[in-house]
Amino acid sequence: MSEVKVMNFKRQVIGYIDTRPDGTKIAKDFYRRKLGEYSPRSDVTKDFYGHIVAHGDQTAMLINMQYAETHKTN
């Protein structure tokens, strides 16, 4: 399994994408909690609950959405 760090514009790690040998990608937040996964067989990205959120690989989008939600400024 290979792991890629996802960073924000300040070069801070905001999440990780793990790729399994079968091509499945797991999106994880900074604390390595699972946010969702991409299945190359069905070509869909699902969230933590198993709901389809996008067609194609959108694992980085899941990480960015979670980061934006937790770092809102008013």
PDB file of N, CA and C in Angstrom:
ATOM      1  N   MET A   1       0.843  -1.168   0.000  1.00  0.00           N
ATOM      2  CA  MET A   1       0.000   0.000   0.000  1.00  0.00           C
ATOM      3  C   MET A   1       0.894   1.239   0.000  1.00  0.00           C
ATOM      4  N   SER A   2       0.604   2.171  -0.890  1.00  0.00           N
ATOM      5  CA  SER A   2       1.380   3.409  -0.925  1.00  0.00           C
ATOM      6  C   SER A   2       0.539   4.548  -0.357  1.00  0.00           C
ATOM      7  N   GLU A   3       1.232   5.527   0.206  1.00  0.00           N
ATOM      8  CA  GLU A   3       0.551   6.640   0.852  1.00  0.00           C
ATOM      9  C   GLU A   3       1.056   7.959   0.282  1.00  0.00           C
ATOM     10  N   VAL A   4       0.124   8.869   0.010  1.00  0.00           N
ATOM     11  CA  VAL A   4       0.449  10.192  -0.495  1.00  0.00           C
ATOM     12  C   VAL A   4      -0.103  11.215   0.490  1.00  0.00           C
ATOM     13  N   LYS A   5       0.710  12.210   0.837  1.00  0.00           N
ATOM     14  CA  LYS A   5       0.249  13.284   1.715  1.00  0.00           C
ATOM     15  C   LYS A   5      -0.486  14.322   0.876  1.00  0.00           C
ATOM     16  N   VAL A   6      -1.571  14.847   1.414  1.00  0.00           N
ATOM     17  CA  VAL A   6      -2.291  15.945   0.788  1.00  0.00           C
ATOM     18  C   VAL A   6      -2.045  17.175   1.648  1.00  0.00           C
ATOM     19  N   MET A   7      -1.550  18.256   1.014  1.00  0.00           N
ATOM     20  CA  MET A   7      -1.182  19.455   1.765  1.00  0.00           C
ATOM     21  C   MET A   7      -2.000  20.655   1.307  1.00  0.00           C
ATOM     22  N   ASN A   8      -2.136  21.634   2.213  1.00  0.00           N
ATOM     23  CA  ASN A   8      -2.797  22.885   1.842  1.00  0.00           C
ATOM     24  C   ASN A   8      -1.766  23.839   1.250  1.00  0.00           C
ATOM     25  N   PHE A   9      -2.188  25.065   0.946  1.00  0.00           N
ATOM     26  CA  PHE A   9      -1.270  26.007   0.295  1.00  0.00           C
ATOM     27  C   PHE A   9      -0.128  26.447   1.209  1.00  0.00           C
ATOM     28  N   LYS A  10      -0.267  26.231   2.525  1.00  0.00           N
ATOM     29  CA  LYS A  10       0.813  26.553   3.469  1.00  0.00           C
ATOM     30  C   LYS A  10       1.757  25.370   3.674  1.00  0.00           C
ATOM     31  N   ARG A  11       1.569  24.320   2.876  1.00  0.00           N
ATOM     32  CA  ARG A  11       2.380  23.090   2.946  1.00  0.00           C
ATOM     33  C   ARG A  11       2.166  22.330   4.252  1.00  0.00           C
ATOM     34  N   GLN A  12       0.994  22.471   4.850  1.00  0.00           N
ATOM     35  CA  GLN A  12       0.629  21.709   6.042  1.00  0.00           C
ATOM     36  C   GLN A  12      -0.132  20.467   5.590  1.00  0.00           C
ATOM     37  N   VAL A  13       0.184  19.330   6.189  1.00  0.00           N
ATOM     38  CA  VAL A  13      -0.513  18.088   5.833  1.00  0.00           C
ATOM     39  C   VAL A  13      -1.949  18.178   6.338  1.00  0.00           C
ATOM     40  N   ILE A  14      -2.903  17.978   5.432  1.00  0.00           N
ATOM     41  CA  ILE A  14      -4.315  18.000   5.820  1.00  0.00           C
ATOM     42  C   ILE A  14      -4.974  16.637   5.663  1.00  0.00           C
ATOM     43  N   GLY A  15      -4.262  15.688   5.054  1.00  0.00           N
ATOM     44  CA  GLY A  15      -4.818  14.354   4.886  1.00  0.00           C
ATOM     45  C   GLY A  15      -3.880  13.440   4.130  1.00  0.00           C
ATOM     46  N   TYR A  16      -4.374  12.233   3.889  1.00  0.00           N
ATOM     47  CA  TYR A  16      -3.576  11.199   3.229  1.00  0.00           C
ATOM     48  C   TYR A  16      -4.457  10.427   2.260  1.00  0.00           C
ATOM     49  N   ILE A  17      -3.857   9.921   1.193  1.00  0.00           N
ATOM     50  CA  ILE A  17      -4.543   9.017   0.275  1.00  0.00           C
ATOM     51  C   ILE A  17      -3.712   7.741   0.197  1.00  0.00           C
ATOM     52  N   ASP A  18      -4.308   6.656   0.663  1.00  0.00           N
ATOM     53  CA  ASP A  18      -3.664   5.342   0.600  1.00  0.00           C
ATOM     54  C   ASP A  18      -4.175   4.615  -0.638  1.00  0.00           C
ATOM     55  N   THR A  19      -3.256   4.026  -1.398  1.00  0.00           N
ATOM     56  CA  THR A  19      -3.634   3.265  -2.590  1.00  0.00           C
ATOM     57  C   THR A  19      -3.298   1.802  -2.370  1.00  0.00           C
ATOM     58  N   ARG A  20      -4.306   0.963  -2.486  1.00  0.00           N
ATOM     59  CA  ARG A  20      -4.129  -0.483  -2.339  1.00  0.00           C
ATOM     60  C   ARG A  20      -3.626  -1.072  -3.656  1.00  0.00           C
ATOM     61  N   PRO A  21      -3.092  -2.300  -3.610  1.00  0.00           N
ATOM     62  CA  PRO A  21      -2.595  -2.936  -4.841  1.00  0.00           C
ATOM     63  C   PRO A  21      -3.660  -3.088  -5.934  1.00  0.00           C
ATOM     64  N   ASP A  22      -4.938  -3.214  -5.544  1.00  0.00           N
ATOM     65  CA  ASP A  22      -6.001  -3.362  -6.546  1.00  0.00           C
ATOM     66  C   ASP A  22      -6.446  -2.024  -7.142  1.00  0.00           C
ATOM     67  N   GLY A  23      -5.847  -0.913  -6.690  1.00  0.00           N
ATOM     68  CA  GLY A  23      -6.160   0.407  -7.220  1.00  0.00           C
ATOM     69  C   GLY A  23      -7.142   1.207  -6.384  1.00  0.00           C
ATOM     70  N   THR A  24      -7.746   0.590  -5.390  1.00  0.00           N
ATOM     71  CA  THR A  24      -8.668   1.298  -4.515  1.00  0.00           C
ATOM     72  C   THR A  24      -7.911   2.356  -3.726  1.00  0.00           C
ATOM     73  N   LYS A  25      -8.488   3.559  -3.653  1.00  0.00           N
ATOM     74  CA  LYS A  25      -7.857   4.655  -2.917  1.00  0.00           C
ATOM     75  C   LYS A  25      -8.706   5.003  -1.701  1.00  0.00           C
ATOM     76  N   ILE A  26      -8.058   5.127  -0.543  1.00  0.00           N
ATOM     77  CA  ILE A  26      -8.728   5.456   0.702  1.00  0.00           C
ATOM     78  C   ILE A  26      -8.334   6.873   1.097  1.00  0.00           C
ATOM     79  N   ALA A  27      -9.323   7.757   1.267  1.00  0.00           N
ATOM     80  CA  ALA A  27      -9.072   9.135   1.702  1.00  0.00           C
ATOM     81  C   ALA A  27      -9.148   9.184   3.217  1.00  0.00           C
ATOM     82  N   LYS A  28      -8.107   9.781   3.841  1.00  0.00           N
ATOM     83  CA  LYS A  28      -8.063   9.893   5.300  1.00  0.00           C
ATOM     84  C   LYS A  28      -7.758  11.332   5.689  1.00  0.00           C
ATOM     85  N   ASP A  29      -8.293  11.756   6.837  1.00  0.00           N
ATOM     86  CA  ASP A  29      -8.017  13.111   7.297  1.00  0.00           C
ATOM     87  C   ASP A  29      -6.663  13.163   7.998  1.00  0.00           C
ATOM     88  N   PHE A  30      -6.341  14.315   8.584  1.00  0.00           N
ATOM     89  CA  PHE A  30      -5.061  14.517   9.260  1.00  0.00           C
ATOM     90  C   PHE A  30      -4.813  13.472  10.344  1.00  0.00           C
ATOM     91  N   TYR A  31      -5.878  13.066  11.032  1.00  0.00           N
ATOM     92  CA  TYR A  31      -5.768  12.084  12.113  1.00  0.00           C
ATOM     93  C   TYR A  31      -5.877  10.642  11.618  1.00  0.00           C
ATOM     94  N   ARG A  32      -5.862  10.485  10.294  1.00  0.00           N
ATOM     95  CA  ARG A  32      -5.934   9.184   9.619  1.00  0.00           C
ATOM     96  C   ARG A  32      -7.279   8.475   9.806  1.00  0.00           C
ATOM     97  N   ARG A  33      -8.329   9.272  10.003  1.00  0.00           N
ATOM     98  CA  ARG A  33      -9.683   8.720  10.054  1.00  0.00           C
ATOM     99  C   ARG A  33     -10.210   8.636   8.621  1.00  0.00           C
ATOM    100  N   LYS A  34     -10.850   7.540   8.306  1.00  0.00           N
ATOM    101  CA  LYS A  34     -11.340   7.319   6.941  1.00  0.00           C
ATOM    102  C   LYS A  34     -12.448   8.299   6.601  1.00  0.00           C
ATOM    103  N   LEU A  35     -12.300   8.975   5.459  1.00  0.00           N
ATOM    104  CA  LEU A  35     -13.317   9.897   4.961  1.00  0.00           C
ATOM    105  C   LEU A  35     -14.128   9.288   3.828  1.00  0.00           C
ATOM    106  N   GLY A  36     -13.516   8.376   3.084  1.00  0.00           N
ATOM    107  CA  GLY A  36     -14.194   7.745   1.965  1.00  0.00           C
ATOM    108  C   GLY A  36     -13.212   6.970   1.125  1.00  0.00           C
ATOM    109  N   GLU A  37     -13.698   6.452   0.000  1.00  0.00           N
ATOM    110  CA  GLU A  37     -12.812   5.682  -0.879  1.00  0.00           C
ATOM    111  C   GLU A  37     -13.272   5.727  -2.326  1.00  0.00           C
ATOM    112  N   TYR A  38     -12.308   5.488  -3.209  1.00  0.00           N
ATOM    113  CA  TYR A  38     -12.543   5.418  -4.650  1.00  0.00           C
ATOM    114  C   TYR A  38     -12.324   3.993  -5.112  1.00  0.00           C
ATOM    115  N   SER A  39     -13.277   3.475  -5.877  1.00  0.00           N
ATOM    116  CA  SER A  39     -13.178   2.130  -6.428  1.00  0.00           C
ATOM    117  C   SER A  39     -12.963   2.224  -7.933  1.00  0.00           C
ATOM    118  N   PRO A  40     -11.810   1.768  -8.437  1.00  0.00           N
ATOM    119  CA  PRO A  40     -11.577   1.833  -9.879  1.00  0.00           C
ATOM    120  C   PRO A  40     -12.474   0.881 -10.677  1.00  0.00           C
ATOM    121  N   ARG A  41     -12.952  -0.165 -10.053  1.00  0.00           N
ATOM    122  CA  ARG A  41     -13.824  -1.115 -10.757  1.00  0.00           C
ATOM    123  C   ARG A  41     -15.157  -0.478 -11.117  1.00  0.00           C
ATOM    124  N   SER A  42     -15.724   0.279 -10.184  1.00  0.00           N
ATOM    125  CA  SER A  42     -17.008   0.938 -10.450  1.00  0.00           C
ATOM    126  C   SER A  42     -16.843   2.400 -10.845  1.00  0.00           C
ATOM    127  N   ASP A  43     -15.626   2.923 -10.733  1.00  0.00           N
ATOM    128  CA  ASP A  43     -15.282   4.310 -11.081  1.00  0.00           C
ATOM    129  C   ASP A  43     -16.151   5.322 -10.335  1.00  0.00           C
ATOM    130  N   VAL A  44     -16.349   5.079  -9.025  1.00  0.00           N
ATOM    131  CA  VAL A  44     -17.099   6.014  -8.187  1.00  0.00           C
ATOM    132  C   VAL A  44     -16.340   6.276  -6.885  1.00  0.00           C
ATOM    133  N   THR A  45     -16.568   7.454  -6.328  1.00  0.00           N
ATOM    134  CA  THR A  45     -16.023   7.812  -5.024  1.00  0.00           C
ATOM    135  C   THR A  45     -17.182   7.802  -4.039  1.00  0.00           C
ATOM    136  N   LYS A  46     -16.986   7.126  -2.908  1.00  0.00           N
ATOM    137  CA  LYS A  46     -18.011   7.039  -1.873  1.00  0.00           C
ATOM    138  C   LYS A  46     -17.504   7.696  -0.600  1.00  0.00           C
ATOM    139  N   ASP A  47     -18.422   8.263   0.172  1.00  0.00           N
ATOM    140  CA  ASP A  47     -18.040   8.867   1.435  1.00  0.00           C
ATOM    141  C   ASP A  47     -17.933   7.798   2.527  1.00  0.00           C
ATOM    142  N   PHE A  48     -17.691   8.249   3.748  1.00  0.00           N
ATOM    143  CA  PHE A  48     -17.524   7.355   4.885  1.00  0.00           C
ATOM    144  C   PHE A  48     -18.722   6.425   5.072  1.00  0.00           C
ATOM    145  N   TYR A  49     -19.911   6.917   4.749  1.00  0.00           N
ATOM    146  CA  TYR A  49     -21.138   6.148   4.954  1.00  0.00           C
ATOM    147  C   TYR A  49     -21.472   5.224   3.790  1.00  0.00           C
ATOM    148  N   GLY A  50     -20.683   5.283   2.719  1.00  0.00           N
ATOM    149  CA  GLY A  50     -20.921   4.426   1.571  1.00  0.00           C
ATOM    150  C   GLY A  50     -21.798   5.044   0.509  1.00  0.00           C
ATOM    151  N   HIS A  51     -22.142   6.336   0.656  1.00  0.00           N
ATOM    152  CA  HIS A  51     -22.949   7.021  -0.342  1.00  0.00           C
ATOM    153  C   HIS A  51     -22.061   7.497  -1.490  1.00  0.00           C
ATOM    154  N   ILE A  52     -22.523   7.343  -2.700  1.00  0.00           N
ATOM    155  CA  ILE A  52     -21.774   7.823  -3.863  1.00  0.00           C
ATOM    156  C   ILE A  52     -21.800   9.346  -3.866  1.00  0.00           C
ATOM    157  N   VAL A  53     -20.619   9.951  -3.912  1.00  0.00           N
ATOM    158  CA  VAL A  53     -20.523  11.412  -3.928  1.00  0.00           C
ATOM    159  C   VAL A  53     -20.025  11.933  -5.269  1.00  0.00           C
ATOM    160  N   ALA A  54     -19.399  11.079  -6.073  1.00  0.00           N
ATOM    161  CA  ALA A  54     -18.893  11.523  -7.372  1.00  0.00           C
ATOM    162  C   ALA A  54     -18.560  10.327  -8.244  1.00  0.00           C
ATOM    163  N   HIS A  55     -18.575  10.556  -9.542  1.00  0.00           N
ATOM    164  CA  HIS A  55     -18.087   9.574 -10.498  1.00  0.00           C
ATOM    165  C   HIS A  55     -16.647   9.948 -10.807  1.00  0.00           C
ATOM    166  N   GLY A  56     -15.770   8.971 -10.818  1.00  0.00           N
ATOM    167  CA  GLY A  56     -14.352   9.232 -11.005  1.00  0.00           C
ATOM    168  C   GLY A  56     -13.648   9.346  -9.655  1.00  0.00           C
ATOM    169  N   ASP A  57     -12.356   9.596  -9.699  1.00  0.00           N
ATOM    170  CA  ASP A  57     -11.542   9.671  -8.489  1.00  0.00           C
ATOM    171  C   ASP A  57     -11.591  11.077  -7.901  1.00  0.00           C
ATOM    172  N   GLN A  58     -12.302  11.226  -6.790  1.00  0.00           N
ATOM    173  CA  GLN A  58     -12.435  12.514  -6.113  1.00  0.00           C
ATOM    174  C   GLN A  58     -12.005  12.405  -4.649  1.00  0.00           C
ATOM    175  N   THR A  59     -11.012  11.549  -4.375  1.00  0.00           N
ATOM    176  CA  THR A  59     -10.574  11.359  -2.991  1.00  0.00           C
ATOM    177  C   THR A  59      -9.977  12.636  -2.408  1.00  0.00           C
ATOM    178  N   ALA A  60      -9.222  13.391  -3.198  1.00  0.00           N
ATOM    179  CA  ALA A  60      -8.644  14.639  -2.692  1.00  0.00           C
ATOM    180  C   ALA A  60      -9.747  15.645  -2.363  1.00  0.00           C
ATOM    181  N   MET A  61     -10.836  15.629  -3.120  1.00  0.00           N
ATOM    182  CA  MET A  61     -11.957  16.513  -2.847  1.00  0.00           C
ATOM    183  C   MET A  61     -12.561  16.220  -1.475  1.00  0.00           C
ATOM    184  N   LEU A  62     -12.652  14.938  -1.101  1.00  0.00           N
ATOM    185  CA  LEU A  62     -13.182  14.587   0.216  1.00  0.00           C
ATOM    186  C   LEU A  62     -12.315  15.182   1.327  1.00  0.00           C
ATOM    187  N   ILE A  63     -11.014  15.116   1.136  1.00  0.00           N
ATOM    188  CA  ILE A  63     -10.093  15.656   2.143  1.00  0.00           C
ATOM    189  C   ILE A  63     -10.216  17.171   2.212  1.00  0.00           C
ATOM    190  N   ASN A  64     -10.261  17.840   1.053  1.00  0.00           N
ATOM    191  CA  ASN A  64     -10.383  19.296   1.026  1.00  0.00           C
ATOM    192  C   ASN A  64     -11.699  19.768   1.615  1.00  0.00           C
ATOM    193  N   MET A  65     -12.787  19.050   1.360  1.00  0.00           N
ATOM    194  CA  MET A  65     -14.086  19.422   1.931  1.00  0.00           C
ATOM    195  C   MET A  65     -14.062  19.318   3.448  1.00  0.00           C
ATOM    196  N   GLN A  66     -13.471  18.251   3.963  1.00  0.00           N
ATOM    197  CA  GLN A  66     -13.404  18.070   5.410  1.00  0.00           C
ATOM    198  C   GLN A  66     -12.524  19.136   6.038  1.00  0.00           C
ATOM    199  N   TYR A  67     -11.417  19.462   5.397  1.00  0.00           N
ATOM    200  CA  TYR A  67     -10.512  20.492   5.913  1.00  0.00           C
ATOM    201  C   TYR A  67     -11.203  21.853   5.923  1.00  0.00           C
ATOM    202  N   ALA A  68     -11.902  22.185   4.851  1.00  0.00           N
ATOM    203  CA  ALA A  68     -12.603  23.472   4.776  1.00  0.00           C
ATOM    204  C   ALA A  68     -13.689  23.575   5.835  1.00  0.00           C
ATOM    205  N   GLU A  69     -14.378  22.466   6.086  1.00  0.00           N
ATOM    206  CA  GLU A  69     -15.448  22.458   7.078  1.00  0.00           C
ATOM    207  C   GLU A  69     -14.911  22.684   8.490  1.00  0.00           C
ATOM    208  N   THR A  70     -13.757  22.123   8.796  1.00  0.00           N
ATOM    209  CA  THR A  70     -13.196  22.229  10.144  1.00  0.00           C
ATOM    210  C   THR A  70     -12.366  23.482  10.365  1.00  0.00           C
ATOM    211  N   HIS A  71     -12.073  24.221   9.284  1.00  0.00           N
ATOM    212  CA  HIS A  71     -11.240  25.425   9.408  1.00  0.00           C
ATOM    213  C   HIS A  71     -11.961  26.664   8.877  1.00  0.00           C
ATOM    214  N   LYS A  72     -13.246  26.761   9.151  1.00  0.00           N
ATOM    215  CA  LYS A  72     -14.012  27.920   8.726  1.00  0.00           C
ATOM    216  C   LYS A  72     -13.581  29.146   9.520  1.00  0.00           C
ATOM    217  N   THR A  73     -13.569  30.297   8.859  1.00  0.00           N
ATOM    218  CA  THR A  73     -13.320  31.561   9.547  1.00  0.00           C
ATOM    219  C   THR A  73     -14.513  32.474   9.318  1.00  0.00           C
ATOM    220  N   ASN A  74     -14.912  33.129  10.350  1.00  0.00           N
ATOM    221  CA  ASN A  74     -16.074  34.048  10.230  1.00  0.00           C
ATOM    222  C   ASN A  74     -15.634  35.466  10.167  1.00  0.00           C
TER     223      ASN A  74
END
